[in-house]
Amino acid sequence: MKANEIRELPVEDLVKKIDSLEEEHFNLRFQARMGQLTNPIQLRDVKKNIARVKTILNEKRAAAKA
């Protein structure tokens, strides 16, 4: 997921996106602990996407306050 794509989304969609990514992160962590994770790079990518979305969400909220 690219930052430009995320910046186009409204705040409500970003919050929903964070929720879904955190749920996916939980499931991937669970699979990793059980030894069922087929692609460990997926776990890293989801963590980076969560950080990316949270960063842009914070930027939008700061811009709305200013």
N, C-alpha and C. Protein backbone atom coordinates (compact mmCIF):
# COMPACT_ATOMS: atom_id res chain seq x y z
N MET A 1 0.84 -1.16 0.00
CA MET A 1 0.00 0.00 0.00
C MET A 1 0.90 1.24 0.00
N LYS A 2 0.65 2.10 -0.92
CA LYS A 2 1.46 3.30 -1.08
C LYS A 2 0.89 4.45 -0.23
N ALA A 3 1.78 5.34 0.18
CA ALA A 3 1.36 6.47 1.01
C ALA A 3 0.41 7.39 0.25
N ASN A 4 0.63 7.54 -1.04
CA ASN A 4 -0.26 8.40 -1.84
C ASN A 4 -1.68 7.87 -1.86
N GLU A 5 -1.82 6.56 -1.92
CA GLU A 5 -3.15 5.95 -1.91
C GLU A 5 -3.83 6.19 -0.56
N ILE A 6 -3.05 6.11 0.51
CA ILE A 6 -3.60 6.28 1.85
C ILE A 6 -4.02 7.73 2.07
N ARG A 7 -3.24 8.67 1.56
CA ARG A 7 -3.55 10.09 1.77
C ARG A 7 -4.87 10.49 1.12
N GLU A 8 -5.30 9.77 0.11
CA GLU A 8 -6.55 10.09 -0.57
C GLU A 8 -7.78 9.67 0.23
N LEU A 9 -7.61 8.79 1.20
CA LEU A 9 -8.73 8.27 1.96
C LEU A 9 -9.16 9.27 3.04
N PRO A 10 -10.46 9.32 3.34
CA PRO A 10 -10.92 10.18 4.44
C PRO A 10 -10.55 9.56 5.79
N VAL A 11 -10.67 10.34 6.85
CA VAL A 11 -10.25 9.92 8.18
C VAL A 11 -11.02 8.68 8.65
N GLU A 12 -12.31 8.63 8.38
CA GLU A 12 -13.12 7.48 8.82
C GLU A 12 -12.62 6.18 8.19
N ASP A 13 -12.26 6.24 6.91
CA ASP A 13 -11.74 5.06 6.24
C ASP A 13 -10.37 4.66 6.79
N LEU A 14 -9.58 5.65 7.18
CA LEU A 14 -8.27 5.34 7.76
C LEU A 14 -8.41 4.60 9.08
N VAL A 15 -9.37 5.01 9.88
CA VAL A 15 -9.61 4.34 11.16
C VAL A 15 -10.05 2.90 10.92
N LYS A 16 -10.93 2.69 9.96
CA LYS A 16 -11.36 1.34 9.62
C LYS A 16 -10.20 0.51 9.09
N LYS A 17 -9.33 1.15 8.30
CA LYS A 17 -8.17 0.47 7.73
C LYS A 17 -7.23 0.01 8.84
N ILE A 18 -7.02 0.87 9.84
CA ILE A 18 -6.16 0.51 10.97
C ILE A 18 -6.74 -0.69 11.70
N ASP A 19 -8.04 -0.68 11.93
CA ASP A 19 -8.68 -1.80 12.62
C ASP A 19 -8.48 -3.10 11.86
N SER A 20 -8.69 -3.07 10.57
CA SER A 20 -8.55 -4.30 9.78
C SER A 20 -7.09 -4.76 9.72
N LEU A 21 -6.16 -3.81 9.62
CA LEU A 21 -4.75 -4.18 9.60
C LEU A 21 -4.29 -4.75 10.94
N GLU A 22 -4.78 -4.20 12.04
CA GLU A 22 -4.42 -4.73 13.35
C GLU A 22 -4.99 -6.12 13.56
N GLU A 23 -6.19 -6.36 13.03
CA GLU A 23 -6.77 -7.71 13.11
C GLU A 23 -5.95 -8.69 12.28
N GLU A 24 -5.54 -8.26 11.10
CA GLU A 24 -4.70 -9.10 10.25
C GLU A 24 -3.35 -9.36 10.92
N HIS A 25 -2.80 -8.35 11.58
CA HIS A 25 -1.53 -8.50 12.29
C HIS A 25 -1.67 -9.53 13.41
N PHE A 26 -2.77 -9.48 14.15
CA PHE A 26 -3.02 -10.45 15.21
C PHE A 26 -3.08 -11.87 14.65
N ASN A 27 -3.81 -12.03 13.56
CA ASN A 27 -3.95 -13.36 12.95
C ASN A 27 -2.60 -13.88 12.45
N LEU A 28 -1.80 -13.01 11.86
CA LEU A 28 -0.49 -13.43 11.37
C LEU A 28 0.44 -13.80 12.52
N ARG A 29 0.37 -13.02 13.61
CA ARG A 29 1.19 -13.36 14.79
C ARG A 29 0.78 -14.70 15.36
N PHE A 30 -0.51 -14.95 15.39
CA PHE A 30 -1.02 -16.22 15.89
C PHE A 30 -0.53 -17.36 15.01
N GLN A 31 -0.61 -17.19 13.70
CA GLN A 31 -0.12 -18.22 12.78
C GLN A 31 1.37 -18.44 12.95
N ALA A 32 2.13 -17.39 13.19
CA ALA A 32 3.57 -17.52 13.36
C ALA A 32 3.89 -18.32 14.62
N ARG A 33 3.16 -18.08 15.69
CA ARG A 33 3.38 -18.82 16.94
C ARG A 33 3.01 -20.29 16.79
N MET A 34 2.02 -20.56 15.97
CA MET A 34 1.58 -21.94 15.76
C MET A 34 2.44 -22.66 14.72
N GLY A 35 3.29 -21.92 14.05
CA GLY A 35 4.14 -22.51 13.03
C GLY A 35 3.44 -22.71 11.70
N GLN A 36 2.37 -22.00 11.47
CA GLN A 36 1.59 -22.15 10.25
C GLN A 36 1.78 -21.01 9.27
N LEU A 37 2.61 -20.05 9.60
CA LEU A 37 2.80 -18.89 8.73
C LEU A 37 3.64 -19.29 7.53
N THR A 38 3.08 -19.12 6.33
CA THR A 38 3.78 -19.54 5.12
C THR A 38 4.71 -18.47 4.59
N ASN A 39 4.36 -17.18 4.83
CA ASN A 39 5.17 -16.09 4.31
C ASN A 39 5.46 -15.10 5.45
N PRO A 40 6.62 -15.23 6.10
CA PRO A 40 6.91 -14.36 7.24
C PRO A 40 7.08 -12.88 6.86
N ILE A 41 7.31 -12.60 5.60
CA ILE A 41 7.45 -11.21 5.15
C ILE A 41 6.11 -10.48 5.27
N GLN A 42 5.02 -11.23 5.19
CA GLN A 42 3.69 -10.65 5.33
C GLN A 42 3.55 -9.93 6.67
N LEU A 43 4.10 -10.52 7.72
CA LEU A 43 4.01 -9.95 9.05
C LEU A 43 4.71 -8.59 9.09
N ARG A 44 5.87 -8.50 8.50
CA ARG A 44 6.61 -7.24 8.45
C ARG A 44 5.86 -6.19 7.64
N ASP A 45 5.31 -6.60 6.50
CA ASP A 45 4.58 -5.67 5.65
C ASP A 45 3.34 -5.10 6.33
N VAL A 46 2.63 -5.93 7.07
CA VAL A 46 1.43 -5.47 7.76
C VAL A 46 1.81 -4.46 8.84
N LYS A 47 2.90 -4.72 9.57
CA LYS A 47 3.34 -3.78 10.60
C LYS A 47 3.72 -2.44 9.99
N LYS A 48 4.38 -2.46 8.84
CA LYS A 48 4.75 -1.22 8.17
C LYS A 48 3.52 -0.48 7.67
N ASN A 49 2.53 -1.21 7.17
CA ASN A 49 1.31 -0.57 6.70
C ASN A 49 0.54 0.07 7.85
N ILE A 50 0.52 -0.58 9.01
CA ILE A 50 -0.14 0.00 10.18
C ILE A 50 0.54 1.31 10.55
N ALA A 51 1.86 1.30 10.58
CA ALA A 51 2.60 2.52 10.92
C ALA A 51 2.35 3.62 9.90
N ARG A 52 2.31 3.26 8.63
CA ARG A 52 2.08 4.22 7.56
C ARG A 52 0.71 4.88 7.71
N VAL A 53 -0.32 4.07 7.95
CA VAL A 53 -1.67 4.60 8.07
C VAL A 53 -1.79 5.47 9.32
N LYS A 54 -1.19 5.03 10.44
CA LYS A 54 -1.27 5.83 11.66
C LYS A 54 -0.56 7.17 11.48
N THR A 55 0.55 7.17 10.79
CA THR A 55 1.28 8.42 10.56
C THR A 55 0.45 9.39 9.75
N ILE A 56 -0.16 8.92 8.69
CA ILE A 56 -0.97 9.79 7.84
C ILE A 56 -2.22 10.25 8.57
N LEU A 57 -2.80 9.38 9.39
CA LEU A 57 -3.96 9.76 10.18
C LEU A 57 -3.60 10.88 11.16
N ASN A 58 -2.44 10.76 11.81
CA ASN A 58 -2.00 11.81 12.72
C ASN A 58 -1.73 13.11 11.97
N GLU A 59 -1.18 13.03 10.77
CA GLU A 59 -0.95 14.23 9.96
C GLU A 59 -2.26 14.92 9.64
N LYS A 60 -3.26 14.13 9.26
CA LYS A 60 -4.57 14.71 8.90
C LYS A 60 -5.23 15.34 10.11
N ARG A 61 -5.14 14.68 11.26
CA ARG A 61 -5.75 15.23 12.47
C ARG A 61 -5.05 16.52 12.89
N ALA A 62 -3.73 16.57 12.76
CA ALA A 62 -2.98 17.79 13.11
C ALA A 62 -3.33 18.92 12.14
N ALA A 63 -3.50 18.60 10.87
CA ALA A 63 -3.86 19.62 9.89
C ALA A 63 -5.28 20.14 10.14
N ALA A 64 -6.16 19.29 10.62
CA ALA A 64 -7.53 19.71 10.89
C ALA A 64 -7.58 20.66 12.10
N LYS A 65 -6.69 20.44 13.07
CA LYS A 65 -6.66 21.30 14.24
C LYS A 65 -6.05 22.65 13.94
N ALA A 66 -5.14 22.67 12.99
CA ALA A 66 -4.43 23.93 12.69
C ALA A 66 -5.24 24.85 11.82
